[in-house]
Amino acid sequence: MKRYYMGVDWGDRLHQVYVGDQEGKKVKEIKVPETVEGLTEFGRWLDEKRAEGFELWAAIEKPAGRIVDFLLDHGVEVYPVNPKAVDRVRDRYRMSGSKSDAFDAYVLAEFLRTDQAHLRVLRPSSEKAQELKMLCRDQRRVGRHKTRLLHQLTTTLKEYYVRPLETFEDIETEVALDFLTRYPTPAHLQALKPKEFKRFATKQHHLSQQRCEELWEKLSQPQLKVPEHVVRAKAQLLEVLIDQLRAAIKAVNTYNHKVESFFASSPAAQIAKTLPGGKSGTLVAAIWAELGDAQGRWESFRHLQAEAGAVPVTKASGKSRVVQFRFACNKHLRYAMYWFPLSRSTTVSGPSSTTDNSGPKGIPIPRHCALWEPSGLRLSL
């Protein structure tokens, strides 16, 4: 069957496309605007060529996005290419180091034509699996945003108001945030009476009498004096950070509930419930989302290990042999798989310490990481 090889150098507003035939001759070179008119015209050309009996293969430097979905919808076989690989291949055709969008599209098309055996065609998951992946990744982004706000709040308190940090173990709890909102400066704390705090702690937040006395004992300790201009400036920042943190906490809880309910409605949830931590939480859902449900996506368990960053990279030459950390991997999958053994570590017998100093060069290794051996990724693919 006749085949055209396309290189797509994607952009936010404009995509550069180069089309070559099986002999490497140029067929077409166009710029496709990210507009309804531009994509419609490009899609019409793709449909025409497919109707003429041409197979359409496209290489692009991203595995997802609107342009990728557009190509798949028009029957194009998409081959995602790592940008680092394209950078290495570029030297085949031009040693000067100069580059352009048109040249990059040409390199992608030629690389696909000559090295297709070393590339893997994109096998997209179902729409429901893709939606779950997006929800899980957005959930993690929202969680990281909340963590950043929490760090900013902690840093701000350290600069002028340390006592609440020493009193409340978790500054993001409702009682801690309400306390900071009502008593945002050392002067407010100094004017606070025991009866008023007791009413705040026991009646409004339902703390026990013992817990209330413990907190008051810490709050009533002497404080270092801070200049008034520092207090005024940082108290204003504290008010803003508390409002943002409350919104972030609400967003995290919303995403957690959404991910759990969405995953529970999928057929995979029945299988996931048999895994440690699979009956609740979002960790197993995140792992399942990154694995996808496309048939034949994973060639072997070793392929999955490399994708998850679970195995190192070995560089051997002659008598030299160096083992390095694997940076190139699916960071979202690695993050989820890093924490997954922790969910089952409570059922595994072992030393009571949380670290095992058997790592290379005496580097402590978290106990739950030692529980995850490569055989743990021998899944039914």
Protein backbone atom coordinates (compact mmCIF):
# COMPACT_ATOMS: atom_id res chain seq x y z
CA MET A 1 0.00 0.00 0.00
CA LYS A 2 1.18 3.52 -0.75
CA ARG A 3 2.20 5.53 2.29
CA TYR A 4 2.93 9.14 3.15
CA TYR A 5 5.19 10.11 6.07
CA MET A 6 4.35 13.33 7.86
CA GLY A 7 6.39 15.37 10.27
CA VAL A 8 4.36 17.72 12.48
CA ASP A 9 6.21 20.47 14.33
CA TRP A 10 3.38 21.53 16.60
CA GLY A 11 2.78 24.96 18.10
CA ASP A 12 0.18 26.81 20.12
CA ARG A 13 -1.17 28.75 17.14
CA LEU A 14 0.47 27.22 14.08
CA HIS A 15 1.60 23.71 13.09
CA GLN A 16 4.29 23.15 10.48
CA VAL A 17 3.65 19.98 8.45
CA TYR A 18 6.00 18.24 6.03
CA VAL A 19 4.79 15.30 3.92
CA GLY A 20 7.13 12.90 2.11
CA ASP A 21 6.61 9.70 0.17
CA GLN A 22 8.24 6.28 0.59
CA GLU A 23 11.27 7.32 -1.46
CA GLY A 24 11.89 10.42 0.62
CA LYS A 25 10.60 12.88 -1.97
CA LYS A 26 8.71 15.94 -0.86
CA VAL A 27 4.96 15.75 -1.44
CA LYS A 28 3.60 18.73 0.46
CA GLU A 29 4.69 21.34 2.98
CA ILE A 30 2.04 23.44 4.67
CA LYS A 31 1.39 25.58 7.72
CA VAL A 32 -1.78 24.64 9.58
CA PRO A 33 -3.26 27.39 11.79
CA GLU A 34 -4.89 26.27 15.03
CA THR A 35 -8.25 27.54 13.81
CA VAL A 36 -11.47 25.93 12.61
CA GLU A 37 -10.75 26.91 9.01
CA GLY A 38 -7.13 25.76 9.08
CA LEU A 39 -7.82 22.37 10.67
CA THR A 40 -10.87 21.79 8.48
CA GLU A 41 -8.85 22.33 5.32
CA PHE A 42 -6.04 20.10 6.59
CA GLY A 43 -8.53 17.40 7.60
CA ARG A 44 -10.11 17.50 4.14
CA TRP A 45 -6.71 16.86 2.56
CA LEU A 46 -6.07 13.95 4.92
CA ASP A 47 -9.42 12.37 4.11
CA GLU A 48 -8.80 12.77 0.39
CA LYS A 49 -5.46 11.00 0.56
CA ARG A 50 -6.88 8.16 2.62
CA ALA A 51 -9.69 7.81 0.07
CA GLU A 52 -7.01 7.52 -2.65
CA GLY A 53 -5.54 4.52 -0.82
CA PHE A 54 -2.64 6.17 1.03
CA GLU A 55 -1.59 5.19 4.53
CA LEU A 56 -0.77 8.26 6.60
CA TRP A 57 1.88 8.07 9.31
CA ALA A 58 2.84 11.11 11.37
CA ALA A 59 5.70 11.80 13.78
CA ILE A 60 5.21 14.46 16.43
CA GLU A 61 7.03 15.52 19.59
CA LYS A 62 4.10 14.99 21.97
CA PRO A 63 1.88 12.01 22.85
CA ALA A 64 -1.31 13.96 23.55
CA GLY A 65 -3.05 17.22 22.78
CA ARG A 66 -5.57 18.67 20.37
CA ILE A 67 -3.45 18.21 17.26
CA VAL A 68 -2.78 14.56 18.21
CA ASP A 69 -6.50 13.91 18.70
CA PHE A 70 -7.16 15.61 15.37
CA LEU A 71 -4.73 13.33 13.54
CA LEU A 72 -6.15 10.21 15.19
CA ASP A 73 -9.70 11.25 14.28
CA HIS A 74 -8.65 11.41 10.62
CA GLY A 75 -7.16 7.93 10.59
CA VAL A 76 -3.49 8.91 10.89
CA GLU A 77 -1.05 6.54 12.61
CA VAL A 78 0.71 8.76 15.16
CA TYR A 79 4.26 8.07 16.34
CA PRO A 80 5.28 10.21 19.34
CA VAL A 81 9.01 11.03 19.31
CA ASN A 82 11.02 12.20 22.30
CA PRO A 83 12.35 15.75 21.68
CA LYS A 84 15.81 14.62 22.77
CA ALA A 85 15.79 11.96 20.04
CA VAL A 86 14.83 14.59 17.48
CA ASP A 87 17.68 16.79 18.66
CA ARG A 88 20.14 13.94 18.08
CA VAL A 89 18.66 13.07 14.67
CA ARG A 90 18.79 16.68 13.53
CA ASP A 91 22.58 16.39 13.20
CA ARG A 92 22.13 13.77 10.48
CA TYR A 93 20.81 16.35 8.08
CA ARG A 94 22.47 19.59 9.16
CA MET A 95 25.72 19.95 11.12
CA SER A 96 25.61 23.74 11.36
CA GLY A 97 23.23 23.65 14.33
CA SER A 98 20.69 25.96 12.67
CA LYS A 99 17.02 24.98 12.94
CA SER A 100 13.56 26.13 11.97
CA ASP A 101 10.02 24.84 12.23
CA ALA A 102 10.06 23.70 8.60
CA PHE A 103 13.36 21.87 9.08
CA ASP A 104 12.15 20.17 12.26
CA ALA A 105 9.03 18.94 10.45
CA TYR A 106 11.25 17.55 7.68
CA VAL A 107 13.50 15.81 10.23
CA LEU A 108 10.49 14.21 11.91
CA ALA A 109 9.13 12.91 8.61
CA GLU A 110 12.48 11.49 7.52
CA PHE A 111 13.15 9.97 10.93
CA LEU A 112 9.81 8.19 10.77
CA ARG A 113 10.52 6.96 7.24
CA THR A 114 13.99 5.56 7.96
CA ASP A 115 13.71 4.51 11.64
CA GLN A 116 10.11 3.48 11.99
CA ALA A 117 11.19 0.10 13.39
CA HIS A 118 12.60 1.88 16.46
CA LEU A 119 9.43 3.87 17.12
CA ARG A 120 6.14 2.78 18.68
CA VAL A 121 2.77 3.77 17.33
CA LEU A 122 0.51 5.62 19.72
CA ARG A 123 -2.21 3.41 21.16
CA PRO A 124 -4.65 5.77 22.89
CA SER A 125 -6.74 4.56 25.78
CA SER A 126 -10.50 4.80 25.86
CA GLU A 127 -12.11 8.18 26.44
CA LYS A 128 -13.05 7.21 29.98
CA ALA A 129 -9.49 6.14 30.76
CA GLN A 130 -8.14 9.38 29.29
CA GLU A 131 -10.58 11.40 31.38
CA LEU A 132 -9.48 9.55 34.51
CA LYS A 133 -5.84 10.28 33.68
CA MET A 134 -6.55 13.99 33.27
CA LEU A 135 -8.49 14.06 36.54
CA CYS A 136 -5.67 12.33 38.42
CA ARG A 137 -2.98 14.59 36.99
CA ASP A 138 -5.01 17.72 37.70
CA GLN A 139 -5.65 16.43 41.21
CA ARG A 140 -1.92 16.14 41.78
CA ARG A 141 -1.34 19.66 40.42
CA VAL A 142 -3.98 21.07 42.76
CA GLY A 143 -2.41 19.17 45.66
CA ARG A 144 1.03 20.56 44.87
CA HIS A 145 -0.45 24.06 44.71
CA LYS A 146 -1.93 23.55 48.18
CA THR A 147 1.46 22.39 49.45
CA ARG A 148 3.14 25.50 48.05
CA LEU A 149 0.60 27.70 49.81
CA LEU A 150 1.14 25.81 53.05
CA HIS A 151 4.90 26.36 52.80
CA GLN A 152 4.36 30.08 52.16
CA LEU A 153 2.06 30.31 55.16
CA THR A 154 4.62 28.54 57.35
CA THR A 155 7.42 30.82 56.18
CA THR A 156 5.28 33.90 56.84
CA LEU A 157 4.48 32.80 60.39
CA LYS A 158 8.14 32.11 61.10
CA GLU A 159 8.95 35.72 60.27
CA TYR A 160 6.66 37.32 62.85
CA TYR A 161 4.31 34.87 64.63
CA VAL A 162 5.95 31.57 65.59
CA ARG A 163 3.68 30.59 68.47
CA PRO A 164 0.83 29.07 66.34
CA LEU A 165 3.37 26.89 64.51
CA GLU A 166 4.60 25.54 67.84
CA THR A 167 1.06 25.02 69.11
CA PHE A 168 -0.74 23.34 66.24
CA GLU A 169 0.90 20.22 64.80
CA ASP A 170 -0.94 20.65 61.48
CA ILE A 171 -1.39 24.26 60.43
CA GLU A 172 -3.91 23.39 57.67
CA THR A 173 -6.54 22.07 60.07
CA GLU A 174 -9.76 24.02 60.46
CA VAL A 175 -9.04 24.95 64.07
CA ALA A 176 -5.58 26.30 63.20
CA LEU A 177 -6.83 28.36 60.26
CA ASP A 178 -9.75 29.74 62.29
CA PHE A 179 -7.35 30.68 65.09
CA LEU A 180 -5.06 32.54 62.69
CA THR A 181 -8.01 34.32 61.13
CA ARG A 182 -9.33 35.50 64.49
CA TYR A 183 -5.95 36.17 66.14
CA PRO A 184 -3.56 37.10 63.28
CA THR A 185 -0.87 38.95 65.28
CA PRO A 186 1.10 38.51 68.53
CA ALA A 187 -0.84 41.44 69.98
CA HIS A 188 -4.13 39.62 69.44
CA LEU A 189 -2.72 36.55 71.14
CA GLN A 190 -1.41 38.58 74.06
CA ALA A 191 -4.87 40.07 74.62
CA LEU A 192 -6.53 36.64 74.44
CA LYS A 193 -8.06 35.48 77.74
CA PRO A 194 -8.27 31.83 78.87
CA LYS A 195 -12.08 31.87 78.94
CA GLU A 196 -12.30 33.25 75.42
CA PHE A 197 -9.91 30.61 74.08
CA LYS A 198 -11.77 27.86 75.93
CA ARG A 199 -15.01 28.98 74.30
CA PHE A 200 -13.27 29.06 70.91
CA ALA A 201 -11.73 25.59 71.31
CA THR A 202 -14.47 23.62 73.03
CA LYS A 203 -17.73 25.12 71.76
CA GLN A 204 -16.77 26.14 68.24
CA HIS A 205 -14.33 23.32 67.41
CA HIS A 206 -15.42 20.67 69.92
CA LEU A 207 -11.98 20.00 71.39
CA SER A 208 -11.70 18.08 74.64
CA GLN A 209 -10.94 19.84 77.89
CA GLN A 210 -7.51 18.20 78.07
CA ARG A 211 -6.65 19.21 74.52
CA CYS A 212 -7.82 22.75 75.19
CA GLU A 213 -5.53 23.02 78.22
CA GLU A 214 -2.56 21.65 76.27
CA LEU A 215 -3.01 24.23 73.53
CA TRP A 216 -3.45 27.10 75.97
CA GLU A 217 -0.30 26.12 77.84
CA LYS A 218 1.69 26.48 74.61
CA LEU A 219 -0.06 29.65 73.49
CA SER A 220 0.51 31.41 76.81
CA GLN A 221 4.29 31.12 76.59
CA PRO A 222 6.27 34.40 76.24
CA GLN A 223 6.95 35.65 72.71
CA LEU A 224 9.84 37.52 71.18
CA LYS A 225 9.08 41.10 70.25
CA VAL A 226 8.77 41.82 66.52
CA PRO A 227 8.84 45.32 64.97
CA GLU A 228 5.37 46.70 64.31
CA HIS A 229 5.99 47.42 60.63
CA VAL A 230 6.92 43.75 60.11
CA VAL A 231 3.78 42.60 61.91
CA ARG A 232 1.52 44.85 59.83
CA ALA A 233 3.03 43.74 56.52
CA LYS A 234 3.07 40.03 57.30
CA ALA A 235 -0.40 40.04 58.85
CA GLN A 236 -1.74 41.31 55.53
CA LEU A 237 0.04 38.52 53.67
CA LEU A 238 -1.24 35.99 56.21
CA GLU A 239 -4.84 37.00 55.51
CA VAL A 240 -4.37 36.50 51.75
CA LEU A 241 -2.61 33.14 52.17
CA ILE A 242 -5.32 31.80 54.49
CA ASP A 243 -8.02 32.63 51.95
CA GLN A 244 -6.04 30.93 49.17
CA LEU A 245 -5.25 27.92 51.34
CA ARG A 246 -8.90 27.41 52.27
CA ALA A 247 -9.83 27.45 48.59
CA ALA A 248 -7.01 25.03 47.76
CA ILE A 249 -8.05 22.62 50.52
CA LYS A 250 -11.62 22.67 49.21
CA ALA A 251 -10.36 22.05 45.66
CA VAL A 252 -8.23 19.10 46.78
CA ASN A 253 -11.17 17.51 48.59
CA THR A 254 -13.37 18.05 45.54
CA TYR A 255 -10.84 16.40 43.24
CA ASN A 256 -10.32 13.50 45.64
CA HIS A 257 -14.04 12.82 45.72
CA LYS A 258 -14.34 13.20 41.95
CA VAL A 259 -11.48 10.79 41.24
CA GLU A 260 -12.76 8.20 43.70
CA SER A 261 -16.34 8.31 42.39
CA PHE A 262 -15.25 8.33 38.74
CA PHE A 263 -12.91 5.37 39.21
CA ALA A 264 -15.50 3.46 41.23
CA SER A 265 -17.85 3.56 38.24
CA SER A 266 -15.31 1.92 35.93
CA PRO A 267 -15.05 -1.86 35.42
CA ALA A 268 -11.43 -1.77 36.58
CA ALA A 269 -12.54 -0.76 40.09
CA GLN A 270 -13.62 -4.31 40.90
CA ILE A 271 -10.11 -5.57 40.18
CA ALA A 272 -8.47 -2.62 41.92
CA LYS A 273 -10.34 -3.35 45.14
CA THR A 274 -8.27 -6.51 45.55
CA LEU A 275 -5.05 -4.43 45.65
CA PRO A 276 -3.69 -2.88 48.85
CA GLY A 277 -5.27 0.54 49.26
CA GLY A 278 -7.66 -0.10 46.40
CA LYS A 279 -10.89 0.13 48.38
CA SER A 280 -10.47 3.86 49.04
CA GLY A 281 -8.22 6.74 48.15
CA THR A 282 -6.91 7.86 44.77
CA LEU A 283 -3.50 6.17 44.57
CA VAL A 284 -4.61 3.00 42.80
CA ALA A 285 -6.83 5.07 40.51
CA ALA A 286 -3.81 7.18 39.52
CA ILE A 287 -1.75 4.06 38.77
CA TRP A 288 -4.55 2.56 36.71
CA ALA A 289 -5.01 5.81 34.81
CA GLU A 290 -1.33 5.99 33.86
CA LEU A 291 -1.30 2.33 32.77
CA GLY A 292 -4.24 2.91 30.43
CA ASP A 293 -6.56 0.33 28.92
CA ALA A 294 -5.21 0.16 25.36
CA GLN A 295 -4.49 -3.41 24.29
CA GLY A 296 -0.84 -4.12 23.53
CA ARG A 297 0.43 -0.82 24.89
CA TRP A 298 3.05 -2.54 27.02
CA GLU A 299 5.45 -4.89 25.27
CA SER A 300 6.63 -6.56 28.49
CA PHE A 301 6.96 -5.96 32.20
CA ARG A 302 10.47 -4.60 31.57
CA HIS A 303 8.97 -1.98 29.29
CA LEU A 304 6.60 -0.98 32.08
CA GLN A 305 9.44 -0.86 34.62
CA ALA A 306 11.39 1.53 32.42
CA GLU A 307 8.31 3.70 31.82
CA ALA A 308 7.70 3.93 35.57
CA GLY A 309 11.36 4.73 36.32
CA ALA A 310 11.59 1.64 38.54
CA VAL A 311 14.90 0.41 37.15
CA PRO A 312 18.17 2.33 36.73
CA VAL A 313 20.14 3.00 33.56
CA THR A 314 23.36 1.05 33.02
CA LYS A 315 26.20 2.52 30.97
CA ALA A 316 28.88 -0.07 30.18
CA SER A 317 31.93 0.31 27.96
CA GLY A 318 34.97 -1.95 28.24
CA LYS A 319 35.87 -2.30 31.90
CA SER A 320 33.70 0.64 32.89
CA ARG A 321 30.23 -0.01 34.21
CA VAL A 322 28.14 2.79 35.70
CA VAL A 323 24.57 2.50 37.01
CA GLN A 324 22.63 5.77 37.08
CA PHE A 325 19.24 7.00 38.14
CA ARG A 326 16.62 6.89 35.39
CA PHE A 327 15.36 10.41 34.76
CA ALA A 328 13.54 9.74 31.48
CA CYS A 329 10.25 8.15 32.49
CA ASN A 330 6.60 8.85 33.20
CA LYS A 331 6.94 11.07 36.28
CA HIS A 332 3.27 10.70 37.22
CA LEU A 333 3.48 6.90 37.15
CA ARG A 334 6.74 6.90 39.11
CA TYR A 335 5.25 9.15 41.78
CA ALA A 336 2.23 6.86 42.20
CA MET A 337 4.32 3.68 42.22
CA TYR A 338 6.73 5.20 44.75
CA TRP A 339 3.91 5.57 47.27
CA PHE A 340 2.04 2.39 46.37
CA PRO A 341 4.26 0.04 48.48
CA LEU A 342 3.59 2.24 51.49
CA SER A 343 -0.06 1.24 51.35
CA ARG A 344 0.88 -2.42 51.77
CA SER A 345 3.90 -2.01 54.06
CA THR A 346 1.71 -2.29 57.14
CA THR A 347 0.94 -5.92 56.29
CA VAL A 348 4.55 -6.92 55.67
CA SER A 349 6.65 -8.11 58.58
CA GLY A 350 10.07 -6.59 58.92
CA PRO A 351 12.28 -4.36 61.07
CA SER A 352 10.59 -1.66 63.06
CA SER A 353 12.87 1.04 61.71
CA THR A 354 11.65 3.07 58.76
CA THR A 355 14.97 2.97 56.92
CA ASP A 356 17.36 0.30 55.80
CA ASN A 357 21.01 1.37 55.51
CA SER A 358 21.84 -1.34 53.00
CA GLY A 359 21.72 1.12 50.10
CA PRO A 360 24.76 2.09 48.02
CA LYS A 361 27.36 4.23 49.80
CA GLY A 362 25.37 4.06 53.03
CA ILE A 363 22.44 6.13 51.67
CA PRO A 364 19.34 5.35 53.76
CA ILE A 365 16.54 3.78 51.76
CA PRO A 366 12.92 4.20 52.92
CA ARG A 367 11.60 0.87 54.13
CA HIS A 368 8.55 0.99 51.87
CA CYS A 369 10.82 1.44 48.82
CA ALA A 370 12.61 -1.80 49.64
CA LEU A 371 9.27 -3.58 49.49
CA TRP A 372 8.90 -2.70 45.81
CA GLU A 373 11.07 -5.09 43.86
CA PRO A 374 11.11 -5.23 40.07
CA SER A 375 8.94 -8.33 40.19
CA GLY A 376 6.21 -6.09 41.57
CA LEU A 377 5.62 -4.75 38.09
CA ARG A 378 5.08 -8.17 36.50
CA LEU A 379 1.48 -7.30 35.82
CA SER A 380 -0.95 -8.96 33.45
CA LEU A 381 -0.41 -6.74 30.43
